[in-house]
Structures are given as structure tokens and as C-alpha cells.
C-alpha atoms as a PDB file:
ATOM      1  CA  UNK A   1      18.190   8.381  12.021  1.00  0.00           C
ATOM      2  CA  UNK A   2      17.497  11.688  10.257  1.00  0.00           C
ATOM      3  CA  UNK A   3      14.191  11.552   8.390  1.00  0.00           C
ATOM      4  CA  UNK A   4      12.736  14.135   5.997  1.00  0.00           C
ATOM      5  CA  UNK A   5       9.052  14.215   5.045  1.00  0.00           C
ATOM      6  CA  UNK A   6       8.030  15.476   1.600  1.00  0.00           C
ATOM      7  CA  UNK A   7       4.333  16.373   1.762  1.00  0.00           C
ATOM      8  CA  UNK A   8       2.766  17.307   5.106  1.00  0.00           C
ATOM      9  CA  UNK A   9      -0.867  16.602   4.304  1.00  0.00           C
ATOM     10  CA  UNK A  10      -2.953  13.790   5.805  1.00  0.00           C
ATOM     11  CA  UNK A  11      -0.466  10.991   5.117  1.00  0.00           C
ATOM     12  CA  UNK A  12       2.576  13.118   5.907  1.00  0.00           C
ATOM     13  CA  UNK A  13       1.134  13.929   9.322  1.00  0.00           C
ATOM     14  CA  UNK A  14       0.442  10.229   9.917  1.00  0.00           C
ATOM     15  CA  UNK A  15       4.064   9.331   9.162  1.00  0.00           C
ATOM     16  CA  UNK A  16       5.304  12.131  11.400  1.00  0.00           C
ATOM     17  CA  UNK A  17       3.185  10.870  14.305  1.00  0.00           C
ATOM     18  CA  UNK A  18       4.620   7.355  13.938  1.00  0.00           C
ATOM     19  CA  UNK A  19       8.202   8.550  13.625  1.00  0.00           C
ATOM     20  CA  UNK A  20       7.861  10.642  16.784  1.00  0.00           C
ATOM     21  CA  UNK A  21       7.155   7.410  18.703  1.00  0.00           C
ATOM     22  CA  UNK A  22      10.464   5.793  17.673  1.00  0.00           C
ATOM     23  CA  UNK A  23      13.599   6.455  19.687  1.00  0.00           C
ATOM     24  CA  UNK A  24      16.750   7.817  18.023  1.00  0.00           C
ATOM     25  CA  UNK A  25      14.726   9.274  15.150  1.00  0.00           C
ATOM     26  CA  UNK A  26      14.892  12.964  14.287  1.00  0.00           C
ATOM     27  CA  UNK A  27      12.678  14.660  11.713  1.00  0.00           C
ATOM     28  CA  UNK A  28      15.092  17.126  10.185  1.00  0.00           C
ATOM     29  CA  UNK A  29      12.918  18.478   7.361  1.00  0.00           C
ATOM     30  CA  UNK A  30       9.259  19.010   6.486  1.00  0.00           C
ATOM     31  CA  UNK A  31       8.816  19.941   2.838  1.00  0.00           C
ATOM     32  CA  UNK A  32       5.503  21.377   1.646  1.00  0.00           C
ATOM     33  CA  UNK A  33       4.587  24.520  -0.302  1.00  0.00           C
ATOM     34  CA  UNK A  34       1.056  24.688   1.104  1.00  0.00           C
ATOM     35  CA  UNK A  35       1.861  25.034   4.798  1.00  0.00           C
ATOM     36  CA  UNK A  36       3.205  28.048   6.606  1.00  0.00           C
ATOM     37  CA  UNK A  37       6.832  27.958   7.806  1.00  0.00           C
ATOM     38  CA  UNK A  38       6.858  27.341  11.534  1.00  0.00           C
ATOM     39  CA  UNK A  39      10.388  26.209  12.307  1.00  0.00           C
ATOM     40  CA  UNK A  40      13.879  25.936  10.933  1.00  0.00           C
ATOM     41  CA  UNK A  41      13.129  22.452   9.583  1.00  0.00           C
ATOM     42  CA  UNK A  42      10.406  23.685   7.204  1.00  0.00           C
ATOM     43  CA  UNK A  43      11.131  23.953   3.465  1.00  0.00           C
ATOM     44  CA  UNK A  44       8.702  25.565   1.030  1.00  0.00           C
ATOM     45  CA  UNK A  45       9.891  23.479  -1.926  1.00  0.00           C
ATOM     46  CA  UNK A  46      11.799  20.335  -2.812  1.00  0.00           C
ATOM     47  CA  UNK A  47      14.306  22.543  -4.669  1.00  0.00           C
ATOM     48  CA  UNK A  48      15.009  24.509  -1.485  1.00  0.00           C
ATOM     49  CA  UNK A  49      15.497  21.273   0.448  1.00  0.00           C
ATOM     50  CA  UNK A  50      17.933  19.925  -2.151  1.00  0.00           C
ATOM     51  CA  UNK A  51      19.936  23.163  -2.103  1.00  0.00           C
ATOM     52  CA  UNK A  52      20.588  22.731   1.619  1.00  0.00           C
ATOM     53  CA  UNK A  53      22.125  19.247   1.099  1.00  0.00           C
ATOM     54  CA  UNK A  54      20.969  18.001   4.514  1.00  0.00           C
ATOM     55  CA  UNK A  55      22.395  14.796   5.961  1.00  0.00           C
ATOM     56  CA  UNK A  56      19.274  12.661   5.658  1.00  0.00           C
ATOM     57  CA  UNK A  57      18.994   8.888   5.982  1.00  0.00           C
ATOM     58  CA  UNK A  58      15.537   8.634   4.410  1.00  0.00           C
ATOM     59  CA  UNK A  59      13.026  10.889   2.654  1.00  0.00           C
ATOM     60  CA  UNK A  60       9.346   9.946   2.965  1.00  0.00           C
ATOM     61  CA  UNK A  61       7.377  10.828  -0.186  1.00  0.00           C
ATOM     62  CA  UNK A  62       3.794  11.579   0.868  1.00  0.00           C
ATOM     63  CA  UNK A  63       2.817  14.003  -1.875  1.00  0.00           C
ATOM     64  CA  UNK A  64      -0.261  13.640  -4.155  1.00  0.00           C
ATOM     65  CA  UNK A  65      -0.322  10.370  -6.104  1.00  0.00           C
ATOM     66  CA  UNK A  66       0.671  11.785  -9.488  1.00  0.00           C
ATOM     67  CA  UNK A  67       3.856  13.324  -8.037  1.00  0.00           C
ATOM     68  CA  UNK A  68       5.268  10.170  -6.413  1.00  0.00           C
ATOM     69  CA  UNK A  69       7.273   9.023  -9.435  1.00  0.00           C
ATOM     70  CA  UNK A  70       8.643  12.485 -10.274  1.00  0.00           C
ATOM     71  CA  UNK A  71       9.608  13.337  -6.693  1.00  0.00           C
ATOM     72  CA  UNK A  72      11.194   9.941  -6.032  1.00  0.00           C
ATOM     73  CA  UNK A  73      13.270  10.114  -9.222  1.00  0.00           C
ATOM     74  CA  UNK A  74      14.581  13.583  -8.306  1.00  0.00           C
ATOM     75  CA  UNK A  75      15.474  12.483  -4.772  1.00  0.00           C
ATOM     76  CA  UNK A  76      17.272   9.379  -6.018  1.00  0.00           C
ATOM     77  CA  UNK A  77      19.234  11.448  -8.528  1.00  0.00           C
ATOM     78  CA  UNK A  78      20.374  13.571  -5.580  1.00  0.00           C
ATOM     79  CA  UNK A  79      21.530  10.531  -3.596  1.00  0.00           C
ATOM     80  CA  UNK A  80      18.681  10.097  -1.102  1.00  0.00           C
ATOM     81  CA  UNK A  81      17.088   6.848   0.075  1.00  0.00           C
ATOM     82  CA  UNK A  82      13.319   7.095  -0.399  1.00  0.00           C
ATOM     83  CA  UNK A  83      10.167   5.624   1.142  1.00  0.00           C
ATOM     84  CA  UNK A  84       7.170   6.000  -1.206  1.00  0.00           C
ATOM     85  CA  UNK A  85       3.536   6.136  -0.139  1.00  0.00           C
ATOM     86  CA  UNK A  86       1.024   4.245  -2.275  1.00  0.00           C
ATOM     87  CA  UNK A  87       0.606   4.289  -5.180  1.00  0.00           C
ATOM     88  CA  UNK A  88       4.356   3.980  -5.712  1.00  0.00           C
ATOM     89  CA  UNK A  89       4.059   4.346  -9.483  1.00  0.00           C
ATOM     90  CA  UNK A  90       1.302   3.987 -12.060  1.00  0.00           C
ATOM     91  CA  UNK A  91       3.031   1.423 -14.287  1.00  0.00           C
ATOM     92  CA  UNK A  92       6.001  -0.919 -14.606  1.00  0.00           C
ATOM     93  CA  UNK A  93       7.900   1.465 -16.904  1.00  0.00           C
ATOM     94  CA  UNK A  94       8.056   4.029 -14.069  1.00  0.00           C
ATOM     95  CA  UNK A  95       9.067   1.299 -11.619  1.00  0.00           C
ATOM     96  CA  UNK A  96      11.959   0.216 -13.851  1.00  0.00           C
ATOM     97  CA  UNK A  97      13.136   3.833 -14.220  1.00  0.00           C
ATOM     98  CA  UNK A  98      13.223   4.203 -10.423  1.00  0.00           C
ATOM     99  CA  UNK A  99      15.014   0.870 -10.068  1.00  0.00           C
ATOM    100  CA  UNK A 100      17.717   1.940 -12.536  1.00  0.00           C
ATOM    101  CA  UNK A 101      18.028   5.423 -10.993  1.00  0.00           C
ATOM    102  CA  UNK A 102      18.432   3.937  -7.512  1.00  0.00           C
ATOM    103  CA  UNK A 103      21.085   1.537  -8.799  1.00  0.00           C
ATOM    104  CA  UNK A 104      23.043   4.306 -10.530  1.00  0.00           C
ATOM    105  CA  UNK A 105      23.045   6.464  -7.385  1.00  0.00           C
ATOM    106  CA  UNK A 106      23.573   3.665  -4.836  1.00  0.00           C
ATOM    107  CA  UNK A 107      20.248   4.405  -3.122  1.00  0.00           C
ATOM    108  CA  UNK A 108      17.400   2.301  -1.818  1.00  0.00           C
ATOM    109  CA  UNK A 109      13.673   2.616  -2.546  1.00  0.00           C
ATOM    110  CA  UNK A 110      11.319   1.370   0.166  1.00  0.00           C
ATOM    111  CA  UNK A 111       7.540   0.984  -0.162  1.00  0.00           C
ATOM    112  CA  UNK A 112       4.746   1.810   2.274  1.00  0.00           C
ATOM    113  CA  UNK A 113       3.108  -1.615   2.432  1.00  0.00           C
ATOM    114  CA  UNK A 114       2.531  -1.746   6.149  1.00  0.00           C
ATOM    115  CA  UNK A 115      -0.243  -4.319   5.851  1.00  0.00           C
ATOM    116  CA  UNK A 116       2.424  -6.932   5.101  1.00  0.00           C
ATOM    117  CA  UNK A 117       3.261  -6.648   8.790  1.00  0.00           C
ATOM    118  CA  UNK A 118      -0.354  -7.076   9.942  1.00  0.00           C
ATOM    119  CA  UNK A 119      -1.314 -10.120  11.983  1.00  0.00           C
ATOM    120  CA  UNK A 120      -3.772 -11.195   9.259  1.00  0.00           C
ATOM    121  CA  UNK A 121      -1.125 -11.187   6.506  1.00  0.00           C
ATOM    122  CA  UNK A 122       1.413 -13.007   8.683  1.00  0.00           C
ATOM    123  CA  UNK A 123      -1.211 -15.609   9.659  1.00  0.00           C
ATOM    124  CA  UNK A 124      -2.276 -16.219   6.053  1.00  0.00           C
ATOM    125  CA  UNK A 125       1.330 -16.361   4.839  1.00  0.00           C
ATOM    126  CA  UNK A 126       2.182 -19.053   7.374  1.00  0.00           C
ATOM    127  CA  UNK A 127      -0.964 -21.009   6.497  1.00  0.00           C
ATOM    128  CA  UNK A 128      -0.228 -20.946   2.756  1.00  0.00           C
ATOM    129  CA  UNK A 129       3.556 -21.508   2.992  1.00  0.00           C
ATOM    130  CA  UNK A 130       3.077 -24.517   5.292  1.00  0.00           C
ATOM    131  CA  UNK A 131       0.755 -26.101   2.670  1.00  0.00           C
ATOM    132  CA  UNK A 132      -1.922 -26.628   5.336  1.00  0.00           C
ATOM    133  CA  UNK A 133      -4.599 -25.577   2.854  1.00  0.00           C
ATOM    134  CA  UNK A 134      -3.211 -27.644  -0.009  1.00  0.00           C
ATOM    135  CA  UNK A 135      -4.116 -26.413  -3.491  1.00  0.00           C
ATOM    136  CA  UNK A 136      -6.005 -23.126  -3.445  1.00  0.00           C
ATOM    137  CA  UNK A 137      -9.116 -23.436  -5.604  1.00  0.00           C
ATOM    138  CA  UNK A 138     -10.997 -20.207  -5.140  1.00  0.00           C
ATOM    139  CA  UNK A 139     -10.451 -16.857  -3.418  1.00  0.00           C
ATOM    140  CA  UNK A 140     -13.144 -14.258  -2.914  1.00  0.00           C
ATOM    141  CA  UNK A 141     -12.120 -10.783  -1.782  1.00  0.00           C
ATOM    142  CA  UNK A 142     -14.689  -8.123  -0.884  1.00  0.00           C
ATOM    143  CA  UNK A 143     -14.400  -4.556   0.379  1.00  0.00           C
ATOM    144  CA  UNK A 144     -17.529  -2.441   0.665  1.00  0.00           C
ATOM    145  CA  UNK A 145     -16.508   1.053   1.771  1.00  0.00           C
ATOM    146  CA  UNK A 146     -17.785   4.609   1.694  1.00  0.00           C
ATOM    147  CA  UNK A 147     -15.854   7.476   0.100  1.00  0.00           C
ATOM    148  CA  UNK A 148     -18.107  10.398  -0.774  1.00  0.00           C
ATOM    149  CA  UNK A 149     -18.164  14.177  -0.938  1.00  0.00           C
ATOM    150  CA  UNK A 150     -16.114  14.590   2.229  1.00  0.00           C
ATOM    151  CA  UNK A 151     -13.305  12.608   0.598  1.00  0.00           C
ATOM    152  CA  UNK A 152     -13.494  13.945  -2.956  1.00  0.00           C
ATOM    153  CA  UNK A 153     -13.109  17.607  -2.100  1.00  0.00           C
ATOM    154  CA  UNK A 154     -13.838  19.991  -4.979  1.00  0.00           C
ATOM    155  CA  UNK A 155     -10.714  21.192  -6.829  1.00  0.00           C
ATOM    156  CA  UNK A 156      -8.594  18.512  -5.113  1.00  0.00           C
ATOM    157  CA  UNK A 157      -6.370  16.084  -7.063  1.00  0.00           C
ATOM    158  CA  UNK A 158      -8.341  13.238  -5.486  1.00  0.00           C
ATOM    159  CA  UNK A 159     -10.726  11.686  -7.977  1.00  0.00           C
ATOM    160  CA  UNK A 160      -8.964  13.215 -10.999  1.00  0.00           C
ATOM    161  CA  UNK A 161      -8.172  10.399 -13.426  1.00  0.00           C
ATOM    162  CA  UNK A 162      -4.620  11.449 -14.346  1.00  0.00           C
ATOM    163  CA  UNK A 163      -3.705  12.516 -10.815  1.00  0.00           C
ATOM    164  CA  UNK A 164      -5.405   9.926  -8.606  1.00  0.00           C
ATOM    165  CA  UNK A 165      -5.087   6.708 -10.603  1.00  0.00           C
ATOM    166  CA  UNK A 166      -8.254   4.924  -9.499  1.00  0.00           C
ATOM    167  CA  UNK A 167      -9.661   3.213  -6.418  1.00  0.00           C
ATOM    168  CA  UNK A 168      -7.465   0.143  -6.889  1.00  0.00           C
ATOM    169  CA  UNK A 169      -4.411   2.384  -6.531  1.00  0.00           C
ATOM    170  CA  UNK A 170      -5.654   4.603  -3.717  1.00  0.00           C
ATOM    171  CA  UNK A 171      -8.141   2.603  -1.649  1.00  0.00           C
ATOM    172  CA  UNK A 172      -7.652  -1.094  -2.281  1.00  0.00           C
ATOM    173  CA  UNK A 173      -4.007  -1.640  -3.267  1.00  0.00           C
ATOM    174  CA  UNK A 174      -3.242  -3.207   0.133  1.00  0.00           C
ATOM    175  CA  UNK A 175      -5.877  -5.884  -0.485  1.00  0.00           C
ATOM    176  CA  UNK A 176      -4.594  -6.658  -3.987  1.00  0.00           C
ATOM    177  CA  UNK A 177      -1.080  -6.757  -2.545  1.00  0.00           C
ATOM    178  CA  UNK A 178      -2.288  -9.383  -0.083  1.00  0.00           C
ATOM    179  CA  UNK A 179      -3.067 -11.606  -3.083  1.00  0.00           C
ATOM    180  CA  UNK A 180       0.406 -11.027  -4.510  1.00  0.00           C
ATOM    181  CA  UNK A 181       2.477 -11.425  -1.364  1.00  0.00           C
ATOM    182  CA  UNK A 182       0.547 -14.226   0.395  1.00  0.00           C
ATOM    183  CA  UNK A 183      -0.330 -16.459  -2.534  1.00  0.00           C
ATOM    184  CA  UNK A 184       2.779 -15.557  -4.588  1.00  0.00           C
ATOM    185  CA  UNK A 185       1.033 -16.121  -7.901  1.00  0.00           C
ATOM    186  CA  UNK A 186       1.038 -14.288 -11.221  1.00  0.00           C
ATOM    187  CA  UNK A 187      -2.573 -13.331 -11.907  1.00  0.00           C
ATOM    188  CA  UNK A 188      -4.121 -12.803 -15.322  1.00  0.00           C
ATOM    189  CA  UNK A 189      -7.244 -10.661 -15.671  1.00  0.00           C
ATOM    190  CA  UNK A 190     -10.129 -12.743 -17.070  1.00  0.00           C
ATOM    191  CA  UNK A 191     -12.848 -10.128 -16.478  1.00  0.00           C
ATOM    192  CA  UNK A 192     -12.986  -6.535 -15.288  1.00  0.00           C
ATOM    193  CA  UNK A 193     -15.762  -3.989 -14.909  1.00  0.00           C
ATOM    194  CA  UNK A 194     -14.853  -0.555 -13.561  1.00  0.00           C
ATOM    195  CA  UNK A 195     -18.021   1.450 -12.917  1.00  0.00           C
ATOM    196  CA  UNK A 196     -19.198   4.527 -11.056  1.00  0.00           C
ATOM    197  CA  UNK A 197     -22.604   4.286  -9.367  1.00  0.00           C
ATOM    198  CA  UNK A 198     -22.700   6.929  -6.648  1.00  0.00           C
ATOM    199  CA  UNK A 199     -19.663   9.160  -7.205  1.00  0.00           C
ATOM    200  CA  UNK A 200     -19.941   9.853 -10.951  1.00  0.00           C
ATOM    201  CA  UNK A 201     -20.774  13.526 -10.310  1.00  0.00           C
ATOM    202  CA  UNK A 202     -17.911  14.191  -7.858  1.00  0.00           C
ATOM    203  CA  UNK A 203     -15.096  11.981  -9.191  1.00  0.00           C
ATOM    204  CA  UNK A 204     -13.595  11.123 -12.586  1.00  0.00           C
ATOM    205  CA  UNK A 205     -12.557   7.661 -11.401  1.00  0.00           C
ATOM    206  CA  UNK A 206     -14.643   4.544 -10.802  1.00  0.00           C
ATOM    207  CA  UNK A 207     -16.231   3.797  -7.443  1.00  0.00           C
ATOM    208  CA  UNK A 208     -16.748   0.064  -8.089  1.00  0.00           C
ATOM    209  CA  UNK A 209     -14.463  -2.650  -9.456  1.00  0.00           C
ATOM    210  CA  UNK A 210     -15.566  -6.194 -10.281  1.00  0.00           C
ATOM    211  CA  UNK A 211     -12.722  -8.511 -11.279  1.00  0.00           C
ATOM    212  CA  UNK A 212     -12.101 -12.153 -12.060  1.00  0.00           C
ATOM    213  CA  UNK A 213      -8.442 -13.195 -11.929  1.00  0.00           C
ATOM    214  CA  UNK A 214      -6.657 -16.489 -12.537  1.00  0.00           C
ATOM    215  CA  UNK A 215      -3.252 -17.454 -11.219  1.00  0.00           C
ATOM    216  CA  UNK A 216      -0.737 -19.620 -13.057  1.00  0.00           C
ATOM    217  CA  UNK A 217      -1.490 -22.320 -10.466  1.00  0.00           C
ATOM    218  CA  UNK A 218      -5.137 -22.336 -11.610  1.00  0.00           C
ATOM    219  CA  UNK A 219      -6.490 -20.453  -8.597  1.00  0.00           C
ATOM    220  CA  UNK A 220      -9.556 -18.363  -9.479  1.00  0.00           C
ATOM    221  CA  UNK A 221     -10.074 -15.038  -7.689  1.00  0.00           C
ATOM    222  CA  UNK A 222     -13.255 -12.954  -7.628  1.00  0.00           C
ATOM    223  CA  UNK A 223     -12.912  -9.374  -6.426  1.00  0.00           C
ATOM    224  CA  UNK A 224     -15.734  -6.987  -5.503  1.00  0.00           C
ATOM    225  CA  UNK A 225     -14.497  -3.586  -4.345  1.00  0.00           C
ATOM    226  CA  UNK A 226     -16.614  -0.468  -3.976  1.00  0.00           C
ATOM    227  CA  UNK A 227     -16.489   2.951  -2.345  1.00  0.00           C
ATOM    228  CA  UNK A 228     -20.167   3.609  -3.102  1.00  0.00           C
ATOM    229  CA  UNK A 229     -21.618   2.214   0.148  1.00  0.00           C
ATOM    230  CA  UNK A 230     -24.176   4.506   1.790  1.00  0.00           C
ATOM    231  CA  UNK A 231     -22.682   6.745   4.520  1.00  0.00           C
ATOM    232  CA  UNK A 232     -20.254   4.317   6.201  1.00  0.00           C
ATOM    233  CA  UNK A 233     -18.020   1.315   5.546  1.00  0.00           C
ATOM    234  CA  UNK A 234     -19.767  -2.066   5.558  1.00  0.00           C
ATOM    235  CA  UNK A 235     -17.132  -4.804   5.472  1.00  0.00           C
ATOM    236  CA  UNK A 236     -13.866  -6.234   4.254  1.00  0.00           C
ATOM    237  CA  UNK A 237     -13.823 -10.013   3.844  1.00  0.00           C
ATOM    238  CA  UNK A 238     -11.758 -12.837   2.383  1.00  0.00           C
ATOM    239  CA  UNK A 239     -12.984 -16.350   1.583  1.00  0.00           C
ATOM    240  CA  UNK A 240     -10.591 -19.150   0.676  1.00  0.00           C
ATOM    241  CA  UNK A 241     -11.826 -22.494  -0.658  1.00  0.00           C
ATOM    242  CA  UNK A 242      -8.963 -24.975  -0.885  1.00  0.00           C
ATOM    243  CA  UNK A 243      -8.096 -28.656  -1.183  1.00  0.00           C
ATOM    244  CA  UNK A 244      -7.719 -29.194   2.582  1.00  0.00           C
ATOM    245  CA  UNK A 245      -9.955 -26.556   4.034  1.00  0.00           C
ATOM    246  CA  UNK A 246     -12.129 -23.479   3.972  1.00  0.00           C
ATOM    247  CA  UNK A 247     -11.492 -20.147   5.667  1.00  0.00           C
ATOM    248  CA  UNK A 248     -13.264 -16.809   5.973  1.00  0.00           C
ATOM    249  CA  UNK A 249     -11.765 -13.667   7.498  1.00  0.00           C
ATOM    250  CA  UNK A 250     -13.901 -10.577   7.985  1.00  0.00           C
ATOM    251  CA  UNK A 251     -14.875  -8.139  10.735  1.00  0.00           C
ATOM    252  CA  UNK A 252     -14.625  -4.373  11.125  1.00  0.00           C
ATOM    253  CA  UNK A 253     -10.835  -4.538  11.345  1.00  0.00           C
ATOM    254  CA  UNK A 254     -10.471  -7.520   8.976  1.00  0.00           C
ATOM    255  CA  UNK A 255      -9.043  -9.746  11.722  1.00  0.00           C
ATOM    256  CA  UNK A 256     -11.918 -12.060  12.701  1.00  0.00           C
ATOM    257  CA  UNK A 257     -12.061 -15.659  11.509  1.00  0.00           C
ATOM    258  CA  UNK A 258     -15.775 -16.126  10.953  1.00  0.00           C
ATOM    259  CA  UNK A 259     -15.554 -19.603   9.407  1.00  0.00           C
ATOM    260  CA  UNK A 260     -12.858 -22.230   9.365  1.00  0.00           C
ATOM    261  CA  UNK A 261     -12.626 -25.912   8.659  1.00  0.00           C
ATOM    262  CA  UNK A 262      -9.071 -27.011   7.867  1.00  0.00           C
ATOM    263  CA  UNK A 263      -7.652 -30.527   8.042  1.00  0.00           C
ATOM    264  CA  UNK A 264      -5.099 -31.223  10.799  1.00  0.00           C
ATOM    265  CA  UNK A 265      -5.476 -27.729  12.277  1.00  0.00           C
ATOM    266  CA  UNK A 266      -6.892 -26.436  15.568  1.00  0.00           C
ATOM    267  CA  UNK A 267     -10.659 -26.068  15.581  1.00  0.00           C
ATOM    268  CA  UNK A 268     -10.251 -22.369  16.162  1.00  0.00           C
ATOM    269  CA  UNK A 269      -7.545 -19.905  15.211  1.00  0.00           C
ATOM    270  CA  UNK A 270      -7.328 -16.509  16.806  1.00  0.00           C
ATOM    271  CA  UNK A 271      -5.665 -13.574  15.104  1.00  0.00           C
ATOM    272  CA  UNK A 272      -4.376 -10.889  17.483  1.00  0.00           C
ATOM    273  CA  UNK A 273      -5.441  -7.401  16.461  1.00  0.00           C
ATOM    274  CA  UNK A 274      -2.737  -5.031  15.218  1.00  0.00           C
ATOM    275  CA  UNK A 275      -3.558  -1.443  14.330  1.00  0.00           C
ATOM    276  CA  UNK A 276      -2.473   0.352  11.180  1.00  0.00           C
ATOM    277  CA  UNK A 277      -0.217   2.513  13.360  1.00  0.00           C
ATOM    278  CA  UNK A 278       1.471  -0.555  14.857  1.00  0.00           C
ATOM    279  CA  UNK A 279       2.028  -1.977  11.372  1.00  0.00           C
ATOM    280  CA  UNK A 280       3.520   1.325  10.184  1.00  0.00           C
ATOM    281  CA  UNK A 281       5.865   1.410  13.159  1.00  0.00           C
ATOM    282  CA  UNK A 282       7.013  -2.152  12.459  1.00  0.00           C
ATOM    283  CA  UNK A 283       7.565  -1.195   8.826  1.00  0.00           C
ATOM    284  CA  UNK A 284       9.840   1.673   9.887  1.00  0.00           C
ATOM    285  CA  UNK A 285      11.797  -0.502  12.310  1.00  0.00           C
ATOM    286  CA  UNK A 286      12.582  -2.926   9.485  1.00  0.00           C
ATOM    287  CA  UNK A 287      13.625  -0.051   7.198  1.00  0.00           C
ATOM    288  CA  UNK A 288      15.983   1.276   9.869  1.00  0.00           C
ATOM    289  CA  UNK A 289      17.532  -2.190  10.232  1.00  0.00           C
ATOM    290  CA  UNK A 290      18.131  -2.186   6.488  1.00  0.00           C
ATOM    291  CA  UNK A 291      19.734   1.256   6.550  1.00  0.00           C
ATOM    292  CA  UNK A 292      22.031   0.100   9.371  1.00  0.00           C
ATOM    293  CA  UNK A 293      23.068  -2.972   7.412  1.00  0.00           C
ATOM    294  CA  UNK A 294      21.299  -5.437   9.717  1.00  0.00           C
ATOM    295  CA  UNK A 295      19.159  -8.443   8.799  1.00  0.00           C
ATOM    296  CA  UNK A 296      15.685  -7.128   7.996  1.00  0.00           C
ATOM    297  CA  UNK A 297      12.293  -7.609   6.371  1.00  0.00           C
ATOM    298  CA  UNK A 298      12.058  -4.154   4.824  1.00  0.00           C
ATOM    299  CA  UNK A 299       9.899  -3.927   1.697  1.00  0.00           C
ATOM    300  CA  UNK A 300      11.886  -2.741  -1.311  1.00  0.00           C
ATOM    301  CA  UNK A 301      10.766  -1.610  -4.742  1.00  0.00           C
ATOM    302  CA  UNK A 302      11.362  -5.078  -6.204  1.00  0.00           C
ATOM    303  CA  UNK A 303       8.871  -6.511  -3.687  1.00  0.00           C
ATOM    304  CA  UNK A 304       6.061  -4.386  -5.129  1.00  0.00           C
ATOM    305  CA  UNK A 305       6.562  -5.128  -8.820  1.00  0.00           C
ATOM    306  CA  UNK A 306       3.953  -7.900  -8.782  1.00  0.00           C
ATOM    307  CA  UNK A 307       1.325  -5.490  -7.489  1.00  0.00           C
ATOM    308  CA  UNK A 308       2.276  -2.802 -10.020  1.00  0.00           C
ATOM    309  CA  UNK A 309       2.063  -5.390 -12.813  1.00  0.00           C
ATOM    310  CA  UNK A 310      -1.399  -6.523 -11.678  1.00  0.00           C
ATOM    311  CA  UNK A 311      -2.723  -2.955 -11.415  1.00  0.00           C
ATOM    312  CA  UNK A 312      -1.354  -2.081 -14.837  1.00  0.00           C
ATOM    313  CA  UNK A 313      -3.038  -5.140 -16.369  1.00  0.00           C
ATOM    314  CA  UNK A 314      -6.373  -4.235 -14.762  1.00  0.00           C
ATOM    315  CA  UNK A 315      -6.290  -0.628 -15.955  1.00  0.00           C
ATOM    316  CA  UNK A 316      -4.746  -1.235 -19.393  1.00  0.00           C
END
């Protein structure tokens, strides 16, 4: 597999490190105007890369958030399969444009949603799909994190409203995606409050989001996300109150069952810990199966439309 990486900043470097662990993968291009050329695989611009017409199986888009849609559209128009870092797009209109462009050029668009391969997501999916919880009454999702001056660097695109998108796009989209992919519901926004408490002087976007959602099945969801926690992350937690049981998952790595009482289930579940790097590697392995025409669980653009729809409703 020949892989090209567009954007060699923090996320681009993370993707490169994962790809270097996978056999039969060759990084044949690194595209970034801000880094010095250091090898024959370095390209100072996307235009230069496109001029070379390299044989590339997949281009990873890891550029700043506001460039994801533009860069993906250009790559698709030039016949490349693309993997997009979050946020994939800022609204459904952009998603539909990419879908149509991919169709016209016989290309595929994959999404970086590695948390769908985490042990927590797989455990919850099995629990919900098997109906062991029965009707889901109430879900509470909390994430109390710290993102301060070290994150929102002056003159960076991060924290700029039109370039960043907001904390639900950049920080917490994986957790909202968990609602979409595990519970497979269409959520309406009953209440939203997007506020900045601590970061109002260093960021144009909110640092706290309070939401109340309701699914078509009647499930109520309360969400409390913040990046305003003092100095270091506090917790990520999920509570589920359902017809046949109650469950709480929390812990530093969001993989500890701290309360459970579910009918006809073992008294104690254990969720094996999987790292973000392991989840990313599994994500790539599924993408490579897809590109080789094998049975796979790769995450395509269509699989992220529910999340894009929810984010657009929250921010509209």
C-alpha cells in the first residue's frame, strides 16, 4: 500500500507513526508547506503533489480543520481515495458534495473514527444490539477536560470560530459519535448552552457545552462537556439507565465499569484496555481490506452522516 500524508503537524505525525508499524505499507509522500524538505518524498504543496501524479492508494488529510473539505474535494477530483481526520466536514451540504464527487470519480472516502474500534464501543454495541438492556431510558455523557493556553497557541487556527468549528467538532466528536453508532438513534436537540468560562480570552469558540437530546425511540440524553477544567483532565463517564439494567463506564481511559446491575448478565463485566494507537492501527487494517476488495469494517463517509447531522443541529 502506498500512502500519502497531507499535513505533517501533530495528527499527521501520529498517522505516520501508526503506518510505520504496518507491514507492506510505504509512505510515498509527505505534503506540507510549513516543514523543510528532507527527502524525495516531501512536497511543499498539494499542487506540486498532484503534478507528480504518484501511484497512491490512499491520501490521509490531516490539515487544519477548515481545510478538510477543500483538500478532500480536490483529491477526489484527481482520482485519489481519501481518509479524513475529524472534523470531516462542518455540515451535511459539504458531506453531500464529497459523496457526489467521490461517486463521479470512482473514489472512496474513509473517516478517522478509530474509537469505533475501541473495546468500550464494541462492548456497548454488543450490549445494545443483543437487547440485554431493553429500552434505553436515559443516557448521561460527561467529559471534563483541560485545554488551555498551551493548546490554543496565539495566531494558530485552533480556537478560531470559522477555522476550528467548536469543541464538539475538535474535542468531543468521538463521544457524540458513540451515541450515534452504538444507540443508532436520530437525536433532536431539546436544549443547548454553549458557553466559555475559562478560555474566553484565548479562544473564539466555547469551552463548555450543555445539551439535552431526545432520540426517536424516546431516549433522553444529557451531555456535559467542558475543556475548562483546571490544569488537567478530570474524567470521561457514561451512565445508562435502561429497562433491564443500569451501567456506568468511567476511568482515566474510559474503560472501567464502575457500576453495573443488568438482568441475566454476569455480575461483573471486564473491558480490556485498548489504546488510541491500537484503535488507529485496527482502523487502517480495515481500510486496507476495503481497498483490496476484501470483507471489511472500514468506516466510510456514509457512516458519519449521523454525526455530521447532529453537530449541525447543535450549532445551527
